[in-house]
Amino acid sequence: MAANQLSQQPQWYNSVFTNCTTVVLKMIRTITGKRPLDWRILANGYLPAYAYEAGILDTRLPLAELREQGRITSRAQAHGLSQNYSQVIRQGVPMPEMR
């Protein structure tokens, strides 16, 4: 719905069922197929543990180490927005093995 239409007919935003975590679950399901709903989907901050236990993330490393290696802030700040930004920020980030 366009912004001008929202001003005429407001819609309620359901932050329990549509939030940063549930949107990621939808992407996970698109890639890996149906995944069961879990309380960690509704409680922000718990998605990494859910994804790790489901084998969606690389499980060759402990989750704490995987999280640390997945931090991209310093690389993003060092390189800024460039044509190869997406590749630069992923350097050194473990990827799950393709099944």
Protein backbone atom coordinates (compact mmCIF):
# COMPACT_ATOMS: atom_id res chain seq x y z
CA MET A 1 0.00 0.00 0.00
CA ALA A 2 1.46 3.36 -0.97
CA ALA A 3 2.24 5.99 1.66
CA ASN A 4 -0.63 8.23 0.59
CA GLN A 5 -3.04 5.31 0.91
CA LEU A 6 -1.75 4.48 4.39
CA SER A 7 -2.60 7.99 5.52
CA GLN A 8 -6.16 7.41 4.38
CA GLN A 9 -6.48 3.84 5.63
CA PRO A 10 -3.91 3.01 8.38
CA GLN A 11 -2.82 -0.60 8.86
CA TRP A 12 -1.68 -2.18 12.09
CA TYR A 13 1.91 -3.41 12.15
CA ASN A 14 2.10 -6.70 14.02
CA SER A 15 5.61 -6.64 15.49
CA VAL A 16 5.22 -10.15 16.94
CA PHE A 17 4.67 -11.85 13.59
CA THR A 18 6.39 -9.39 11.24
CA ASN A 19 9.79 -8.35 12.53
CA CYS A 20 13.44 -8.72 11.59
CA THR A 21 13.49 -12.31 12.83
CA THR A 22 10.34 -13.56 11.12
CA VAL A 23 11.43 -11.97 7.84
CA VAL A 24 14.72 -13.92 8.05
CA LEU A 25 12.77 -17.12 8.73
CA LYS A 26 10.80 -16.53 5.53
CA MET A 27 14.08 -16.21 3.62
CA ILE A 28 15.43 -19.38 5.28
CA ARG A 29 12.30 -21.28 4.29
CA THR A 30 12.66 -20.02 0.72
CA ILE A 31 16.18 -21.43 0.54
CA THR A 32 15.95 -24.59 2.66
CA GLY A 33 12.28 -25.50 2.59
CA LYS A 34 9.80 -25.69 5.41
CA ARG A 35 11.23 -25.14 8.86
CA PRO A 36 9.14 -25.55 12.00
CA LEU A 37 8.12 -22.50 13.98
CA ASP A 38 10.12 -22.14 17.17
CA TRP A 39 9.85 -19.73 20.09
CA ARG A 40 13.26 -18.33 19.09
CA ILE A 41 11.69 -16.93 15.93
CA LEU A 42 9.38 -14.71 17.97
CA ALA A 43 11.99 -13.67 20.55
CA ASN A 44 14.47 -11.30 18.95
CA GLY A 45 18.11 -12.25 19.47
CA TYR A 46 17.64 -16.03 19.43
CA LEU A 47 17.55 -16.65 15.67
CA PRO A 48 21.28 -17.49 15.38
CA ALA A 49 20.96 -20.38 17.86
CA TYR A 50 17.89 -21.67 16.03
CA ALA A 51 19.61 -21.47 12.65
CA TYR A 52 22.76 -23.09 14.04
CA GLU A 53 20.88 -26.00 15.61
CA ALA A 54 18.90 -26.49 12.39
CA GLY A 55 22.15 -26.74 10.39
CA ILE A 56 21.39 -23.61 8.37
CA LEU A 57 24.61 -21.99 9.57
CA ASP A 58 28.08 -23.53 9.37
CA THR A 59 28.27 -25.97 12.28
CA ARG A 60 31.96 -26.83 11.87
CA LEU A 61 32.69 -24.08 14.40
CA PRO A 62 31.12 -23.33 17.78
CA LEU A 63 28.35 -20.75 17.49
CA ALA A 64 30.28 -18.15 19.53
CA GLU A 65 33.26 -18.39 17.16
CA LEU A 66 31.00 -18.31 14.12
CA ARG A 67 29.38 -15.13 15.42
CA GLU A 68 32.77 -13.53 15.99
CA GLN A 69 33.99 -14.40 12.48
CA GLY A 70 30.72 -13.14 11.06
CA ARG A 71 31.17 -9.60 12.37
CA ILE A 72 31.51 -7.37 9.32
CA THR A 73 31.51 -3.90 10.85
CA SER A 74 35.26 -3.26 10.71
CA ARG A 75 35.55 -4.52 7.11
CA ALA A 76 32.53 -2.45 6.06
CA GLN A 77 33.91 0.68 7.67
CA ALA A 78 37.40 0.13 6.27
CA HIS A 79 36.26 -0.32 2.66
CA GLY A 80 33.15 1.84 2.55
CA LEU A 81 30.61 1.45 -0.21
CA SER A 82 32.37 0.13 -3.27
CA GLN A 83 31.50 -1.98 -6.27
CA ASN A 84 32.78 -5.12 -4.53
CA TYR A 85 31.31 -4.26 -1.10
CA SER A 86 29.32 -7.48 -0.89
CA GLN A 87 32.39 -9.64 -1.51
CA VAL A 88 34.64 -7.61 0.80
CA ILE A 89 32.39 -7.86 3.84
CA ARG A 90 32.08 -11.64 3.40
CA GLN A 91 35.83 -12.33 3.31
CA GLY A 92 36.68 -14.73 6.11
CA VAL A 93 33.05 -15.39 7.03
CA PRO A 94 32.43 -19.17 7.18
CA MET A 95 29.76 -20.46 4.83
CA PRO A 96 27.76 -23.64 5.40
CA GLU A 97 28.62 -26.59 3.21
CA MET A 98 26.16 -27.08 0.40
CA ARG A 99 24.16 -30.27 0.76
